[in-house]
Amino acid sequence: MAHDICSLLYDFIRDNEIATEEEISLVTNINGWSENSLNDIIWARTEYRDVEQIHDCEPDSFYFSEDILDYYGLNEEEDEEEENED
């Protein structure tokens, strides 16, 4: 099932308790429902620019859904390792 990036970021922010649903709603009502607005929330609360930077710096400290990993291509390293094992 394909997801748009804003929905994936919303779930990432909520699931990792970076911001509450009310806080996300406030920011997106003011700044618009966009990838930039949601990344601004991530920046304000974590000081990381986006999901990719979080994954690079603290992959074990956050929950990453398969959908968001697929969207950003962050699970390719695992796929390459599995291919090398064969």
C-alpha atoms as a PDB file:
ATOM      1  CA  MET A   1       0.000   0.000   0.000  1.00  0.00           C
ATOM      2  CA  ALA A   2       1.522   3.286  -1.080  1.00  0.00           C
ATOM      3  CA  HIS A   3       1.633   6.105   1.432  1.00  0.00           C
ATOM      4  CA  ASP A   4       2.356   9.749   0.848  1.00  0.00           C
ATOM      5  CA  ILE A   5       5.367  11.188   2.646  1.00  0.00           C
ATOM      6  CA  CYS A   6       3.307  13.518   4.847  1.00  0.00           C
ATOM      7  CA  SER A   7       1.295  10.618   6.259  1.00  0.00           C
ATOM      8  CA  LEU A   8       4.481   8.637   6.840  1.00  0.00           C
ATOM      9  CA  LEU A   9       6.137  11.564   8.620  1.00  0.00           C
ATOM     10  CA  TYR A  10       3.024  12.208  10.694  1.00  0.00           C
ATOM     11  CA  ASP A  11       3.042   8.577  11.854  1.00  0.00           C
ATOM     12  CA  PHE A  12       6.801   8.695  12.518  1.00  0.00           C
ATOM     13  CA  ILE A  13       6.488  11.837  14.636  1.00  0.00           C
ATOM     14  CA  ARG A  14       3.496  10.498  16.549  1.00  0.00           C
ATOM     15  CA  ASP A  15       4.810   6.942  16.998  1.00  0.00           C
ATOM     16  CA  ASN A  16       8.141   8.192  18.326  1.00  0.00           C
ATOM     17  CA  GLU A  17       6.431  10.742  20.593  1.00  0.00           C
ATOM     18  CA  ILE A  18       8.350  13.599  18.994  1.00  0.00           C
ATOM     19  CA  ALA A  19       5.156  15.692  19.144  1.00  0.00           C
ATOM     20  CA  THR A  20       1.538  15.133  20.067  1.00  0.00           C
ATOM     21  CA  GLU A  21      -1.253  15.025  17.519  1.00  0.00           C
ATOM     22  CA  GLU A  22      -2.387  18.458  18.748  1.00  0.00           C
ATOM     23  CA  GLU A  23       1.080  19.941  18.277  1.00  0.00           C
ATOM     24  CA  ILE A  24       1.377  18.460  14.791  1.00  0.00           C
ATOM     25  CA  SER A  25      -2.046  19.837  13.945  1.00  0.00           C
ATOM     26  CA  LEU A  26      -1.130  23.305  15.208  1.00  0.00           C
ATOM     27  CA  VAL A  27       2.066  23.487  13.158  1.00  0.00           C
ATOM     28  CA  THR A  28       0.496  22.104   9.990  1.00  0.00           C
ATOM     29  CA  ASN A  29      -2.539  24.389  10.330  1.00  0.00           C
ATOM     30  CA  ILE A  30      -0.209  27.387  10.482  1.00  0.00           C
ATOM     31  CA  ASN A  31       2.476  26.311   7.997  1.00  0.00           C
ATOM     32  CA  GLY A  32       0.563  23.900   5.782  1.00  0.00           C
ATOM     33  CA  TRP A  33       0.426  20.133   5.421  1.00  0.00           C
ATOM     34  CA  SER A  34       3.809  19.521   3.825  1.00  0.00           C
ATOM     35  CA  GLU A  35       7.007  17.538   4.162  1.00  0.00           C
ATOM     36  CA  ASN A  36       8.814  20.762   5.139  1.00  0.00           C
ATOM     37  CA  SER A  37       6.392  21.525   7.972  1.00  0.00           C
ATOM     38  CA  LEU A  38       6.682  18.004   9.360  1.00  0.00           C
ATOM     39  CA  ASN A  39      10.475  18.064   9.068  1.00  0.00           C
ATOM     40  CA  ASP A  40      10.400  21.388  10.953  1.00  0.00           C
ATOM     41  CA  ILE A  41       8.705  19.573  13.835  1.00  0.00           C
ATOM     42  CA  ILE A  42      11.389  16.892  13.750  1.00  0.00           C
ATOM     43  CA  TRP A  43      14.094  19.589  13.760  1.00  0.00           C
ATOM     44  CA  ALA A  44      12.508  21.575  16.601  1.00  0.00           C
ATOM     45  CA  ARG A  45      12.212  18.540  18.832  1.00  0.00           C
ATOM     46  CA  THR A  46      15.250  16.424  17.929  1.00  0.00           C
ATOM     47  CA  GLU A  47      17.707  18.815  16.209  1.00  0.00           C
ATOM     48  CA  TYR A  48      17.859  16.348  13.303  1.00  0.00           C
ATOM     49  CA  ARG A  49      16.870  17.668   9.868  1.00  0.00           C
ATOM     50  CA  ASP A  50      14.803  14.671   8.805  1.00  0.00           C
ATOM     51  CA  VAL A  51      14.170  10.940   9.112  1.00  0.00           C
ATOM     52  CA  GLU A  52      17.251  10.107   7.066  1.00  0.00           C
ATOM     53  CA  GLN A  53      19.533  11.992   9.450  1.00  0.00           C
ATOM     54  CA  ILE A  54      17.887  10.371  12.467  1.00  0.00           C
ATOM     55  CA  HIS A  55      18.365   6.967  10.856  1.00  0.00           C
ATOM     56  CA  ASP A  56      22.035   7.739  10.148  1.00  0.00           C
ATOM     57  CA  CYS A  57      22.754   9.023  13.670  1.00  0.00           C
ATOM     58  CA  GLU A  58      20.438   7.116  16.019  1.00  0.00           C
ATOM     59  CA  PRO A  59      18.843   4.174  14.202  1.00  0.00           C
ATOM     60  CA  ASP A  60      18.299   2.181  17.385  1.00  0.00           C
ATOM     61  CA  SER A  61      16.699   5.048  19.326  1.00  0.00           C
ATOM     62  CA  PHE A  62      13.679   5.497  17.060  1.00  0.00           C
ATOM     63  CA  TYR A  63      11.001   3.285  15.531  1.00  0.00           C
ATOM     64  CA  PHE A  64      11.047   3.230  11.713  1.00  0.00           C
ATOM     65  CA  SER A  65       8.127   1.594   9.915  1.00  0.00           C
ATOM     66  CA  GLU A  66       8.870  -0.524   6.858  1.00  0.00           C
ATOM     67  CA  ASP A  67       6.934   2.019   4.771  1.00  0.00           C
ATOM     68  CA  ILE A  68       9.131   4.947   5.808  1.00  0.00           C
ATOM     69  CA  LEU A  69      12.297   2.889   5.384  1.00  0.00           C
ATOM     70  CA  ASP A  70      11.125   1.915   1.897  1.00  0.00           C
ATOM     71  CA  TYR A  71      10.207   5.496   1.002  1.00  0.00           C
ATOM     72  CA  TYR A  72      13.671   6.793   1.865  1.00  0.00           C
ATOM     73  CA  GLY A  73      15.489   3.654   0.691  1.00  0.00           C
ATOM     74  CA  LEU A  74      16.985   3.166   4.138  1.00  0.00           C
ATOM     75  CA  ASN A  75      16.589  -0.607   4.225  1.00  0.00           C
ATOM     76  CA  GLU A  76      18.744  -1.160   1.131  1.00  0.00           C
ATOM     77  CA  GLU A  77      21.812  -1.883   3.264  1.00  0.00           C
ATOM     78  CA  GLU A  78      19.991  -4.798   4.905  1.00  0.00           C
ATOM     79  CA  ASP A  79      18.899  -6.060   1.478  1.00  0.00           C
ATOM     80  CA  GLU A  80      22.492  -5.888   0.198  1.00  0.00           C
ATOM     81  CA  GLU A  81      23.757  -7.800   3.249  1.00  0.00           C
ATOM     82  CA  GLU A  82      21.168 -10.537   2.680  1.00  0.00           C
ATOM     83  CA  GLU A  83      22.182 -10.800  -0.984  1.00  0.00           C
ATOM     84  CA  ASN A  84      25.851 -11.115  -0.013  1.00  0.00           C
ATOM     85  CA  GLU A  85      25.008 -13.969   2.364  1.00  0.00           C
ATOM     86  CA  ASP A  86      23.520 -16.032  -0.503  1.00  0.00           C
END
